[in-house]
Amino acid sequence: MEYRRFGNTIVARIDRGEEILAAVREIAGAEHIQLASVSALGATNDFTVGVYNVDEKRQRVSGEF
Protein backbone atom coordinates (compact mmCIF):
# COMPACT_ATOMS: atom_id res chain seq x y z
CA MET A 1 0.00 0.00 0.00
CA GLU A 2 1.09 3.52 -0.75
CA TYR A 3 -0.65 6.75 0.13
CA ARG A 4 -0.15 10.49 -0.10
CA ARG A 5 -1.77 13.42 1.67
CA PHE A 6 -2.97 16.46 -0.29
CA GLY A 7 -4.23 18.92 2.34
CA ASN A 8 -7.26 17.24 3.95
CA THR A 9 -7.41 14.54 1.26
CA ILE A 10 -5.53 11.24 1.31
CA VAL A 11 -5.17 9.16 -1.84
CA ALA A 12 -4.15 5.52 -1.37
CA ARG A 13 -3.24 2.64 -3.65
CA ILE A 14 -3.96 -0.66 -1.99
CA ASP A 15 -2.14 -3.67 -3.42
CA ARG A 16 -3.90 -6.71 -4.84
CA GLY A 17 -4.60 -9.23 -2.10
CA GLU A 18 -4.22 -6.65 0.67
CA GLU A 19 -7.06 -6.36 3.18
CA ILE A 20 -8.82 -3.07 2.43
CA LEU A 21 -10.12 -2.39 5.96
CA ALA A 22 -6.70 -3.13 7.48
CA ALA A 23 -5.06 -0.67 5.06
CA VAL A 24 -7.61 2.05 5.87
CA ARG A 25 -7.08 1.47 9.61
CA GLU A 26 -3.30 1.68 9.14
CA ILE A 27 -3.59 5.01 7.33
CA ALA A 28 -6.04 6.35 9.92
CA GLY A 29 -3.66 5.43 12.74
CA ALA A 30 -0.58 6.85 11.04
CA GLU A 31 -2.37 10.11 10.18
CA HIS A 32 -4.32 10.40 13.48
CA ILE A 33 -7.68 10.36 11.67
CA GLN A 34 -10.76 9.95 13.87
CA LEU A 35 -13.55 10.72 11.38
CA ALA A 36 -13.51 10.34 7.59
CA SER A 37 -15.48 9.78 4.44
CA VAL A 38 -14.11 6.99 2.24
CA SER A 39 -14.60 6.66 -1.53
CA ALA A 40 -13.10 3.91 -3.64
CA LEU A 41 -12.54 3.02 -7.26
CA GLY A 42 -11.19 -0.30 -8.40
CA ALA A 43 -11.88 -4.02 -8.29
CA THR A 44 -11.90 -6.72 -5.65
CA ASN A 45 -12.44 -10.46 -5.57
CA ASP A 46 -14.67 -10.49 -2.47
CA PHE A 47 -16.19 -8.03 -0.01
CA THR A 48 -18.74 -7.76 2.79
CA VAL A 49 -20.86 -4.68 3.39
CA GLY A 50 -22.29 -3.78 6.78
CA VAL A 51 -24.61 -1.11 8.14
CA TYR A 52 -25.21 -0.30 11.80
CA ASN A 53 -28.78 0.75 12.62
CA VAL A 54 -28.52 3.06 15.65
CA ASP A 55 -32.23 2.87 16.53
CA GLU A 56 -32.26 -0.94 16.52
CA LYS A 57 -28.69 -1.18 17.91
CA ARG A 58 -28.10 -3.92 15.35
CA GLN A 59 -25.56 -4.45 12.61
CA ARG A 60 -26.70 -5.85 9.29
CA VAL A 61 -24.30 -7.38 6.79
CA SER A 62 -24.78 -7.93 3.06
CA GLY A 63 -27.51 -10.42 2.29
CA GLU A 64 -29.79 -9.23 5.15
CA PHE A 65 -31.15 -6.12 3.42
PDB file of N, CA and C in Angstrom:
ATOM      1  N   MET A   1       0.838  -1.166   0.000  1.00  0.00           N
ATOM      2  CA  MET A   1       0.000   0.000   0.000  1.00  0.00           C
ATOM      3  C   MET A   1       0.889   1.238   0.000  1.00  0.00           C
ATOM      4  N   GLU A   2       0.448   2.207  -0.758  1.00  0.00           N
ATOM      5  CA  GLU A   2       1.089   3.522  -0.753  1.00  0.00           C
ATOM      6  C   GLU A   2      -0.001   4.563  -0.608  1.00  0.00           C
ATOM      7  N   TYR A   3       0.316   5.669   0.060  1.00  0.00           N
ATOM      8  CA  TYR A   3      -0.653   6.749   0.126  1.00  0.00           C
ATOM      9  C   TYR A   3       0.061   8.082   0.209  1.00  0.00           C
ATOM     10  N   ARG A   4      -0.670   9.125  -0.173  1.00  0.00           N
ATOM     11  CA  ARG A   4      -0.154  10.494  -0.097  1.00  0.00           C
ATOM     12  C   ARG A   4      -1.251  11.411   0.402  1.00  0.00           C
ATOM     13  N   ARG A   5      -0.836  12.419   1.143  1.00  0.00           N
ATOM     14  CA  ARG A   5      -1.771  13.415   1.667  1.00  0.00           C
ATOM     15  C   ARG A   5      -1.686  14.670   0.804  1.00  0.00           C
ATOM     16  N   PHE A   6      -2.850  15.199   0.440  1.00  0.00           N
ATOM     17  CA  PHE A   6      -2.967  16.459  -0.289  1.00  0.00           C
ATOM     18  C   PHE A   6      -3.918  17.340   0.525  1.00  0.00           C
ATOM     19  N   GLY A   7      -3.393  18.121   1.453  1.00  0.00           N
ATOM     20  CA  GLY A   7      -4.232  18.916   2.342  1.00  0.00           C
ATOM     21  C   GLY A   7      -5.049  18.000   3.234  1.00  0.00           C
ATOM     22  N   ASN A   8      -6.377  18.102   3.152  1.00  0.00           N
ATOM     23  CA  ASN A   8      -7.257  17.243   3.949  1.00  0.00           C
ATOM     24  C   ASN A   8      -7.652  15.958   3.227  1.00  0.00           C
ATOM     25  N   THR A   9      -7.070  15.712   2.065  1.00  0.00           N
ATOM     26  CA  THR A   9      -7.408  14.537   1.265  1.00  0.00           C
ATOM     27  C   THR A   9      -6.242  13.564   1.243  1.00  0.00           C
ATOM     28  N   ILE A  10      -6.547  12.294   1.405  1.00  0.00           N
ATOM     29  CA  ILE A  10      -5.529  11.243   1.306  1.00  0.00           C
ATOM     30  C   ILE A  10      -5.919  10.334   0.145  1.00  0.00           C
ATOM     31  N   VAL A  11      -4.969  10.066  -0.725  1.00  0.00           N
ATOM     32  CA  VAL A  11      -5.167   9.156  -1.845  1.00  0.00           C
ATOM     33  C   VAL A  11      -4.289   7.937  -1.594  1.00  0.00           C
ATOM     34  N   ALA A  12      -4.899   6.748  -1.652  1.00  0.00           N
ATOM     35  CA  ALA A  12      -4.154   5.516  -1.366  1.00  0.00           C
ATOM     36  C   ALA A  12      -4.279   4.533  -2.517  1.00  0.00           C
ATOM     37  N   ARG A  13      -3.221   3.773  -2.722  1.00  0.00           N
ATOM     38  CA  ARG A  13      -3.239   2.643  -3.653  1.00  0.00           C
ATOM     39  C   ARG A  13      -3.023   1.400  -2.819  1.00  0.00           C
ATOM     40  N   ILE A  14      -4.019   0.567  -2.780  1.00  0.00           N
ATOM     41  CA  ILE A  14      -3.956  -0.664  -1.985  1.00  0.00           C
ATOM     42  C   ILE A  14      -3.618  -1.810  -2.921  1.00  0.00           C
ATOM     43  N   ASP A  15      -2.621  -2.590  -2.565  1.00  0.00           N
ATOM     44  CA  ASP A  15      -2.137  -3.669  -3.422  1.00  0.00           C
ATOM     45  C   ASP A  15      -3.125  -4.824  -3.514  1.00  0.00           C
ATOM     46  N   ARG A  16      -3.075  -5.530  -4.621  1.00  0.00           N
ATOM     47  CA  ARG A  16      -3.898  -6.714  -4.838  1.00  0.00           C
ATOM     48  C   ARG A  16      -3.639  -7.715  -3.709  1.00  0.00           C
ATOM     49  N   GLY A  17      -4.715  -8.247  -3.164  1.00  0.00           N
ATOM     50  CA  GLY A  17      -4.597  -9.232  -2.096  1.00  0.00           C
ATOM     51  C   GLY A  17      -4.512  -8.617  -0.708  1.00  0.00           C
ATOM     52  N   GLU A  18      -4.316  -7.326  -0.626  1.00  0.00           N
ATOM     53  CA  GLU A  18      -4.218  -6.650   0.668  1.00  0.00           C
ATOM     54  C   GLU A  18      -5.620  -6.415   1.223  1.00  0.00           C
ATOM     55  N   GLU A  19      -5.783  -6.574   2.511  1.00  0.00           N
ATOM     56  CA  GLU A  19      -7.063  -6.359   3.180  1.00  0.00           C
ATOM     57  C   GLU A  19      -7.376  -4.869   3.198  1.00  0.00           C
ATOM     58  N   ILE A  20      -8.484  -4.478   2.586  1.00  0.00           N
ATOM     59  CA  ILE A  20      -8.823  -3.065   2.434  1.00  0.00           C
ATOM     60  C   ILE A  20      -9.032  -2.396   3.785  1.00  0.00           C
ATOM     61  N   LEU A  21      -9.831  -2.996   4.656  1.00  0.00           N
ATOM     62  CA  LEU A  21     -10.115  -2.385   5.955  1.00  0.00           C
ATOM     63  C   LEU A  21      -8.844  -2.235   6.788  1.00  0.00           C
ATOM     64  N   ALA A  22      -7.964  -3.221   6.740  1.00  0.00           N
ATOM     65  CA  ALA A  22      -6.701  -3.131   7.475  1.00  0.00           C
ATOM     66  C   ALA A  22      -5.850  -1.977   6.955  1.00  0.00           C
ATOM     67  N   ALA A  23      -5.830  -1.770   5.650  1.00  0.00           N
ATOM     68  CA  ALA A  23      -5.062  -0.674   5.061  1.00  0.00           C
ATOM     69  C   ALA A  23      -5.637   0.675   5.479  1.00  0.00           C
ATOM     70  N   VAL A  24      -6.972   0.793   5.456  1.00  0.00           N
ATOM     71  CA  VAL A  24      -7.612   2.053   5.872  1.00  0.00           C
ATOM     72  C   VAL A  24      -7.325   2.321   7.340  1.00  0.00           C
ATOM     73  N   ARG A  25      -7.393   1.299   8.173  1.00  0.00           N
ATOM     74  CA  ARG A  25      -7.077   1.468   9.610  1.00  0.00           C
ATOM     75  C   ARG A  25      -5.618   1.890   9.808  1.00  0.00           C
ATOM     76  N   GLU A  26      -4.725   1.318   9.039  1.00  0.00           N
ATOM     77  CA  GLU A  26      -3.303   1.677   9.140  1.00  0.00           C
ATOM     78  C   GLU A  26      -3.085   3.147   8.798  1.00  0.00           C
ATOM     79  N   ILE A  27      -3.706   3.603   7.723  1.00  0.00           N
ATOM     80  CA  ILE A  27      -3.591   5.006   7.329  1.00  0.00           C
ATOM     81  C   ILE A  27      -4.193   5.905   8.410  1.00  0.00           C
ATOM     82  N   ALA A  28      -5.375   5.543   8.896  1.00  0.00           N
ATOM     83  CA  ALA A  28      -6.039   6.349   9.925  1.00  0.00           C
ATOM     84  C   ALA A  28      -5.174   6.468  11.175  1.00  0.00           C
ATOM     85  N   GLY A  29      -4.536   5.397  11.567  1.00  0.00           N
ATOM     86  CA  GLY A  29      -3.656   5.433  12.736  1.00  0.00           C
ATOM     87  C   GLY A  29      -2.421   6.281  12.503  1.00  0.00           C
ATOM     88  N   ALA A  30      -1.806   6.100  11.351  1.00  0.00           N
ATOM     89  CA  ALA A  30      -0.582   6.850  11.044  1.00  0.00           C
ATOM     90  C   ALA A  30      -0.849   8.343  10.908  1.00  0.00           C
ATOM     91  N   GLU A  31      -2.038   8.713  10.421  1.00  0.00           N
ATOM     92  CA  GLU A  31      -2.374  10.111  10.177  1.00  0.00           C
ATOM     93  C   GLU A  31      -3.261  10.716  11.273  1.00  0.00           C
ATOM     94  N   HIS A  32      -3.507   9.941  12.332  1.00  0.00           N
ATOM     95  CA  HIS A  32      -4.321  10.399  13.477  1.00  0.00           C
ATOM     96  C   HIS A  32      -5.715  10.848  13.041  1.00  0.00           C
ATOM     97  N   ILE A  33      -6.350  10.052  12.186  1.00  0.00           N
ATOM     98  CA  ILE A  33      -7.682  10.356  11.668  1.00  0.00           C
ATOM     99  C   ILE A  33      -8.717   9.691  12.569  1.00  0.00           C
ATOM    100  N   GLN A  34      -9.699  10.479  13.016  1.00  0.00           N
ATOM    101  CA  GLN A  34     -10.764   9.946  13.868  1.00  0.00           C
ATOM    102  C   GLN A  34     -12.113   9.895  13.162  1.00  0.00           C
ATOM    103  N   LEU A  35     -12.298  10.698  12.121  1.00  0.00           N
ATOM    104  CA  LEU A  35     -13.547  10.723  11.376  1.00  0.00           C
ATOM    105  C   LEU A  35     -13.216  10.965   9.911  1.00  0.00           C
ATOM    106  N   ALA A  36     -13.833  10.196   9.012  1.00  0.00           N
ATOM    107  CA  ALA A  36     -13.510  10.342   7.591  1.00  0.00           C
ATOM    108  C   ALA A  36     -14.658   9.865   6.721  1.00  0.00           C
ATOM    109  N   SER A  37     -14.615  10.291   5.490  1.00  0.00           N
ATOM    110  CA  SER A  37     -15.477   9.777   4.441  1.00  0.00           C
ATOM    111  C   SER A  37     -14.563   9.030   3.479  1.00  0.00           C
ATOM    112  N   VAL A  38     -14.963   7.821   3.089  1.00  0.00           N
ATOM    113  CA  VAL A  38     -14.109   6.994   2.238  1.00  0.00           C
ATOM    114  C   VAL A  38     -14.816   6.732   0.913  1.00  0.00           C
ATOM    115  N   SER A  39     -14.118   6.987  -0.184  1.00  0.00           N
ATOM    116  CA  SER A  39     -14.603   6.660  -1.530  1.00  0.00           C
ATOM    117  C   SER A  39     -13.569   5.755  -2.179  1.00  0.00           C
ATOM    118  N   ALA A  40     -14.038   4.842  -3.028  1.00  0.00           N
ATOM    119  CA  ALA A  40     -13.103   3.911  -3.636  1.00  0.00           C
ATOM    120  C   ALA A  40     -13.435   3.687  -5.106  1.00  0.00           C
ATOM    121  N   LEU A  41     -12.410   3.364  -5.859  1.00  0.00           N
ATOM    122  CA  LEU A  41     -12.545   3.022  -7.261  1.00  0.00           C
ATOM    123  C   LEU A  41     -11.586   1.870  -7.521  1.00  0.00           C
ATOM    124  N   GLY A  42     -12.066   0.817  -8.118  1.00  0.00           N
ATOM    125  CA  GLY A  42     -11.186  -0.303  -8.396  1.00  0.00           C
ATOM    126  C   GLY A  42     -11.962  -1.602  -8.450  1.00  0.00           C
ATOM    127  N   ALA A  43     -11.271  -2.693  -8.227  1.00  0.00           N
ATOM    128  CA  ALA A  43     -11.879  -4.017  -8.290  1.00  0.00           C
ATOM    129  C   ALA A  43     -11.426  -4.835  -7.094  1.00  0.00           C
ATOM    130  N   THR A  44     -12.247  -5.812  -6.746  1.00  0.00           N
ATOM    131  CA  THR A  44     -11.902  -6.716  -5.654  1.00  0.00           C
ATOM    132  C   THR A  44     -12.486  -8.094  -5.968  1.00  0.00           C
ATOM    133  N   ASN A  45     -11.932  -9.113  -5.368  1.00  0.00           N
ATOM    134  CA  ASN A  45     -12.439 -10.465  -5.571  1.00  0.00           C
ATOM    135  C   ASN A  45     -13.615 -10.781  -4.659  1.00  0.00           C
ATOM    136  N   ASP A  46     -13.653 -10.156  -3.465  1.00  0.00           N
ATOM    137  CA  ASP A  46     -14.668 -10.488  -2.473  1.00  0.00           C
ATOM    138  C   ASP A  46     -14.799  -9.331  -1.500  1.00  0.00           C
ATOM    139  N   PHE A  47     -16.019  -9.052  -1.034  1.00  0.00           N
ATOM    140  CA  PHE A  47     -16.188  -8.030  -0.011  1.00  0.00           C
ATOM    141  C   PHE A  47     -17.482  -8.267   0.754  1.00  0.00           C
ATOM    142  N   THR A  48     -17.557  -7.706   1.942  1.00  0.00           N
ATOM    143  CA  THR A  48     -18.737  -7.756   2.787  1.00  0.00           C
ATOM    144  C   THR A  48     -19.100  -6.338   3.159  1.00  0.00           C
ATOM    145  N   VAL A  49     -20.377  -6.010   3.062  1.00  0.00           N
ATOM    146  CA  VAL A  49     -20.859  -4.676   3.391  1.00  0.00           C
ATOM    147  C   VAL A  49     -21.684  -4.774   4.668  1.00  0.00           C
ATOM    148  N   GLY A  50     -21.509  -3.800   5.548  1.00  0.00           N
ATOM    149  CA  GLY A  50     -22.290  -3.777   6.778  1.00  0.00           C
ATOM    150  C   GLY A  50     -22.819  -2.396   7.080  1.00  0.00           C
ATOM    151  N   VAL A  51     -23.984  -2.359   7.727  1.00  0.00           N
ATOM    152  CA  VAL A  51     -24.614  -1.106   8.139  1.00  0.00           C
ATOM    153  C   VAL A  51     -25.062  -1.275   9.584  1.00  0.00           C
ATOM    154  N   TYR A  52     -24.773  -0.271  10.402  1.00  0.00           N
ATOM    155  CA  TYR A  52     -25.210  -0.304  11.799  1.00  0.00           C
ATOM    156  C   TYR A  52     -26.432   0.585  11.938  1.00  0.00           C
ATOM    157  N   ASN A  53     -27.554   0.011  12.381  1.00  0.00           N
ATOM    158  CA  ASN A  53     -28.781   0.754  12.618  1.00  0.00           C
ATOM    159  C   ASN A  53     -28.773   1.213  14.069  1.00  0.00           C
ATOM    160  N   VAL A  54     -28.642   2.509  14.294  1.00  0.00           N
ATOM    161  CA  VAL A  54     -28.524   3.062  15.645  1.00  0.00           C
ATOM    162  C   VAL A  54     -29.803   2.834  16.442  1.00  0.00           C
ATOM    163  N   ASP A  55     -30.961   3.039  15.815  1.00  0.00           N
ATOM    164  CA  ASP A  55     -32.234   2.869  16.529  1.00  0.00           C
ATOM    165  C   ASP A  55     -32.428   1.439  17.012  1.00  0.00           C
ATOM    166  N   GLU A  56     -32.104   0.470  16.163  1.00  0.00           N
ATOM    167  CA  GLU A  56     -32.259  -0.942  16.524  1.00  0.00           C
ATOM    168  C   GLU A  56     -31.060  -1.483  17.299  1.00  0.00           C
ATOM    169  N   LYS A  57     -29.952  -0.735  17.294  1.00  0.00           N
ATOM    170  CA  LYS A  57     -28.691  -1.177  17.909  1.00  0.00           C
ATOM    171  C   LYS A  57     -28.309  -2.549  17.368  1.00  0.00           C
ATOM    172  N   ARG A  58     -28.363  -2.646  16.030  1.00  0.00           N
ATOM    173  CA  ARG A  58     -28.101  -3.917  15.353  1.00  0.00           C
ATOM    174  C   ARG A  58     -27.314  -3.676  14.082  1.00  0.00           C
ATOM    175  N   GLN A  59     -26.330  -4.521  13.851  1.00  0.00           N
ATOM    176  CA  GLN A  59     -25.558  -4.447  12.612  1.00  0.00           C
ATOM    177  C   GLN A  59     -26.128  -5.436  11.617  1.00  0.00           C
ATOM    178  N   ARG A  60     -26.253  -4.992  10.369  1.00  0.00           N
ATOM    179  CA  ARG A  60     -26.698  -5.848   9.292  1.00  0.00           C
ATOM    180  C   ARG A  60     -25.564  -5.973   8.283  1.00  0.00           C
ATOM    181  N   VAL A  61     -25.333  -7.171   7.807  1.00  0.00           N
ATOM    182  CA  VAL A  61     -24.299  -7.381   6.792  1.00  0.00           C
ATOM    183  C   VAL A  61     -24.968  -7.718   5.478  1.00  0.00           C
ATOM    184  N   SER A  62     -24.199  -7.678   4.378  1.00  0.00           N
ATOM    185  CA  SER A  62     -24.775  -7.930   3.059  1.00  0.00           C
ATOM    186  C   SER A  62     -25.555  -9.248   3.056  1.00  0.00           C
ATOM    187  N   GLY A  63     -26.654  -9.244   2.350  1.00  0.00           N
ATOM    188  CA  GLY A  63     -27.513 -10.418   2.292  1.00  0.00           C
ATOM    189  C   GLY A  63     -28.716 -10.316   3.218  1.00  0.00           C
ATOM    190  N   GLU A  64     -28.682  -9.387   4.218  1.00  0.00           N
ATOM    191  CA  GLU A  64     -29.790  -9.228   5.150  1.00  0.00           C
ATOM    192  C   GLU A  64     -30.711  -8.086   4.759  1.00  0.00           C
ATOM    193  N   PHE A  65     -30.379  -7.313   3.729  1.00  0.00           N
ATOM    194  CA  PHE A  65     -31.150  -6.117   3.420  1.00  0.00           C
ATOM    195  C   PHE A  65     -32.426  -6.427   2.719  1.00  0.00           C
TER     196      PHE A  65
END
